[in-house]
Amino acid sequence: MLKIRLKRLGAKKSPSYRIIVINSTTKREGKPIQELGYYNPKTKIMKLDKATALEWIKKGAQPTDTVKYLIENANADGSLNYKKSDKPKLSKKAKAKLEAEKEAAVQAKEEAKAAKAAEAQAAKEAEETAAEAVVAEAVEEATICEPLETEEAKEAEKILEASVEEPTPAEETPAVEASAEEPEAETEEVPAEEETPAE
């Protein structure tokens, strides 16, 4: 089976690779069937014959994961279209710390939301209790004021009854006499004029 893979060259801790087509049973430094280009991972410099690599893939050659990535990200001229990721590489401890911070932030947000809801509920309950207290005070005032009003009403009734009471008989007679005298005054006859003798 044919493979498209990297052949290591270069000094210790300074590798460079050739992109080759080779039989899968051949040694790493064995003679390749065809060289397709080279790749330096430190400088990110690459030169690849992309058209030939795609032809070998059509014929059934299997690229390794690294070579597959290089072929997919190769430009038309064979150079690498390298995009440096904005995300910094983090260690396992740093990732765990970051995740813990995110969880703590989410939890704090939820707690703040719950506290806000509790405050709103408490304020609503306080308003309801204040309204109930006002209603209770009004009811108490009404119950306290009712007997006073009835006592005042009774006193007013007594005063009205006293003023409406019928007059005593002594008071009645002069009024009757005055009314009797009035018709007499009207009925008094006017003396007739004396006739004067005719001359």
Protein backbone atom coordinates (compact mmCIF):
# COMPACT_ATOMS: atom_id res chain seq x y z
CA MET A 1 0.00 0.00 0.00
CA LEU A 2 1.30 3.46 -0.93
CA LYS A 3 1.62 6.20 1.68
CA ILE A 4 2.25 9.92 1.39
CA ARG A 5 4.22 10.80 4.47
CA LEU A 6 7.09 12.86 5.89
CA LYS A 7 10.72 11.73 5.75
CA ARG A 8 12.78 13.24 8.59
CA LEU A 9 15.99 15.12 7.84
CA GLY A 10 18.03 17.73 9.71
CA ALA A 11 19.99 17.88 12.94
CA LYS A 12 18.92 16.93 16.44
CA LYS A 13 16.11 19.17 17.79
CA SER A 14 16.06 20.96 14.43
CA PRO A 15 14.03 18.76 12.12
CA SER A 16 13.04 19.33 8.51
CA TYR A 17 11.00 16.96 6.41
CA ARG A 18 10.59 15.82 2.82
CA ILE A 19 7.09 14.98 1.62
CA ILE A 20 7.37 11.65 -0.18
CA VAL A 21 5.33 8.87 -1.74
CA ILE A 22 6.61 5.53 -0.41
CA ASN A 23 5.57 1.96 0.08
CA SER A 24 4.18 1.39 3.62
CA THR A 25 6.57 -1.57 4.19
CA THR A 26 9.72 0.50 3.44
CA LYS A 27 11.89 1.94 6.23
CA ARG A 28 11.56 5.58 7.27
CA GLU A 29 14.79 6.58 5.50
CA GLY A 30 14.17 4.19 2.61
CA LYS A 31 14.17 5.14 -1.05
CA PRO A 32 10.91 6.95 -1.94
CA ILE A 33 8.90 6.39 -5.09
CA GLN A 34 8.61 10.17 -5.62
CA GLU A 35 9.46 13.34 -3.67
CA LEU A 36 6.59 15.89 -3.64
CA GLY A 37 8.25 18.72 -1.68
CA TYR A 38 9.67 19.72 1.71
CA TYR A 39 8.40 21.21 4.97
CA ASN A 40 10.15 22.97 7.87
CA PRO A 41 7.90 23.04 10.98
CA LYS A 42 9.96 25.68 12.81
CA THR A 43 10.00 28.29 10.07
CA LYS A 44 6.65 27.10 8.57
CA ILE A 45 8.24 27.10 5.11
CA MET A 46 6.83 24.54 2.72
CA LYS A 47 7.13 23.74 -0.96
CA LEU A 48 4.69 21.14 -2.29
CA ASP A 49 3.62 19.91 -5.71
CA LYS A 50 -0.08 19.89 -4.83
CA ALA A 51 -1.35 18.67 -8.22
CA THR A 52 0.91 15.59 -8.15
CA ALA A 53 -0.05 14.85 -4.52
CA LEU A 54 -3.76 14.95 -5.44
CA GLU A 55 -3.08 12.60 -8.39
CA TRP A 56 -1.38 10.09 -6.07
CA ILE A 57 -4.37 10.32 -3.69
CA LYS A 58 -6.68 9.55 -6.65
CA LYS A 59 -4.52 6.50 -7.46
CA GLY A 60 -5.08 5.23 -3.90
CA ALA A 61 -2.14 6.57 -1.89
CA GLN A 62 -3.08 7.22 1.74
CA PRO A 63 -1.72 10.50 3.25
CA THR A 64 -0.93 10.71 6.93
CA ASP A 65 -2.87 13.20 9.07
CA THR A 66 -0.04 15.76 8.97
CA VAL A 67 0.38 15.48 5.20
CA LYS A 68 -3.38 15.67 4.72
CA TYR A 69 -3.40 18.95 6.72
CA LEU A 70 -0.48 20.29 4.65
CA ILE A 71 -2.18 19.41 1.34
CA GLU A 72 -5.48 21.00 2.43
CA ASN A 73 -3.76 24.22 3.57
CA ALA A 74 -1.35 24.51 0.63
CA ASN A 75 -1.67 27.48 -1.71
CA ALA A 76 -1.70 27.10 -5.51
CA ASP A 77 2.07 27.79 -5.63
CA GLY A 78 2.73 25.05 -3.03
CA SER A 79 3.44 27.30 -0.03
CA LEU A 80 1.72 26.79 3.31
CA ASN A 81 -1.25 29.00 4.13
CA TYR A 82 -0.38 29.20 7.81
CA LYS A 83 -2.79 30.97 10.12
CA LYS A 84 -1.55 31.51 13.62
CA SER A 85 -4.35 30.92 16.12
CA ASP A 86 -5.20 33.80 18.40
CA LYS A 87 -5.88 31.43 21.26
CA PRO A 88 -2.82 30.88 23.42
CA LYS A 89 -1.83 27.30 24.15
CA LEU A 90 -2.60 26.49 27.78
CA SER A 91 -1.37 23.74 30.03
CA LYS A 92 -3.78 21.31 31.68
CA LYS A 93 -3.56 23.22 34.98
CA ALA A 94 -4.24 26.55 33.24
CA LYS A 95 -7.21 25.04 31.36
CA ALA A 96 -8.61 23.60 34.60
CA LYS A 97 -8.15 26.97 36.33
CA LEU A 98 -9.88 28.79 33.44
CA GLU A 99 -12.82 26.35 33.52
CA ALA A 100 -13.11 26.76 37.30
CA GLU A 101 -13.16 30.55 36.91
CA LYS A 102 -15.87 30.30 34.26
CA GLU A 103 -17.98 28.04 36.48
CA ALA A 104 -17.48 30.40 39.43
CA ALA A 105 -18.56 33.38 37.28
CA VAL A 106 -21.67 31.52 36.11
CA GLN A 107 -22.49 30.50 39.67
CA ALA A 108 -21.98 34.06 40.94
CA LYS A 109 -24.26 35.35 38.18
CA GLU A 110 -26.96 32.82 39.14
CA GLU A 111 -26.60 33.72 42.84
CA ALA A 112 -26.91 37.44 42.02
CA LYS A 113 -30.02 36.71 39.95
CA ALA A 114 -31.51 34.65 42.79
CA ALA A 115 -30.68 37.40 45.32
CA LYS A 116 -32.33 40.01 43.09
CA ALA A 117 -35.44 37.85 42.77
CA ALA A 118 -35.50 37.36 46.56
CA GLU A 119 -35.21 41.13 47.11
CA ALA A 120 -38.07 41.76 44.68
CA GLN A 121 -40.18 39.12 46.47
CA ALA A 122 -39.36 40.66 49.87
CA ALA A 123 -40.27 44.15 48.60
CA LYS A 124 -43.56 42.81 47.24
CA GLU A 125 -44.35 41.09 50.54
CA ALA A 126 -43.47 44.30 52.44
CA GLU A 127 -45.86 46.28 50.22
CA GLU A 128 -48.59 43.70 50.78
CA THR A 129 -48.09 43.77 54.57
CA ALA A 130 -48.11 47.57 54.55
CA ALA A 131 -51.37 47.57 52.58
CA GLU A 132 -52.85 45.02 54.99
CA ALA A 133 -51.75 47.18 57.94
CA VAL A 134 -53.40 50.26 56.39
CA VAL A 135 -56.61 48.30 55.83
CA ALA A 136 -56.51 46.96 59.40
CA GLU A 137 -56.00 50.48 60.79
CA ALA A 138 -58.94 51.75 58.73
CA VAL A 139 -61.13 48.92 60.03
CA GLU A 140 -60.08 49.63 63.62
CA GLU A 141 -60.80 53.35 63.20
CA ALA A 142 -64.20 52.55 61.74
CA THR A 143 -65.06 50.24 64.64
CA ILE A 144 -63.84 52.77 67.22
CA CYS A 145 -65.62 55.70 65.58
CA GLU A 146 -69.00 53.99 65.19
CA PRO A 147 -70.00 54.11 68.93
CA LEU A 148 -68.86 57.72 69.18
CA GLU A 149 -70.94 58.64 66.19
CA THR A 150 -73.97 56.90 67.67
CA GLU A 151 -73.52 58.74 70.99
CA GLU A 152 -73.24 62.06 69.15
CA ALA A 153 -76.29 61.16 67.11
CA LYS A 154 -78.23 60.37 70.29
CA GLU A 155 -77.24 63.71 71.81
CA ALA A 156 -78.29 65.53 68.64
CA GLU A 157 -81.63 63.71 68.68
CA LYS A 158 -82.20 64.74 72.30
CA ILE A 159 -81.47 68.40 71.44
CA LEU A 160 -83.85 68.25 68.48
CA GLU A 161 -86.56 66.64 70.61
CA ALA A 162 -86.14 69.34 73.25
CA SER A 163 -86.49 72.11 70.67
CA VAL A 164 -89.51 70.49 69.03
CA GLU A 165 -91.36 69.87 72.30
CA GLU A 166 -94.87 71.40 72.42
CA PRO A 167 -95.16 74.78 74.20
CA THR A 168 -96.68 74.96 77.70
CA PRO A 169 -100.37 76.05 78.13
CA ALA A 170 -99.32 79.43 79.58
CA GLU A 171 -97.51 80.18 76.35
CA GLU A 172 -100.45 79.01 74.23
CA THR A 173 -103.15 81.43 75.65
CA PRO A 174 -101.57 84.71 74.61
CA ALA A 175 -101.15 83.45 71.13
CA VAL A 176 -104.79 82.36 71.02
CA GLU A 177 -105.96 85.67 72.48
CA ALA A 178 -103.95 87.60 69.93
CA SER A 179 -105.50 85.61 67.17
CA ALA A 180 -108.98 86.21 68.64
CA GLU A 181 -108.42 89.92 68.92
CA GLU A 182 -107.42 90.30 65.33
CA PRO A 183 -110.83 89.40 63.86
CA GLU A 184 -112.50 91.79 66.27
CA ALA A 185 -110.33 94.60 65.01
CA GLU A 186 -111.31 93.77 61.52
CA THR A 187 -115.02 93.65 62.37
CA GLU A 188 -115.15 97.02 64.07
CA GLU A 189 -117.73 99.11 62.30
CA VAL A 190 -116.74 102.44 60.91
CA PRO A 191 -119.16 105.20 62.13
CA ALA A 192 -121.38 106.43 59.41
CA GLU A 193 -120.83 109.93 58.24
CA GLU A 194 -123.40 112.38 59.44
CA GLU A 195 -125.52 113.69 56.69
CA THR A 196 -125.16 117.36 56.25
CA PRO A 197 -128.45 119.37 55.94
CA ALA A 198 -129.15 120.60 52.58
CA GLU A 199 -129.32 124.33 52.38
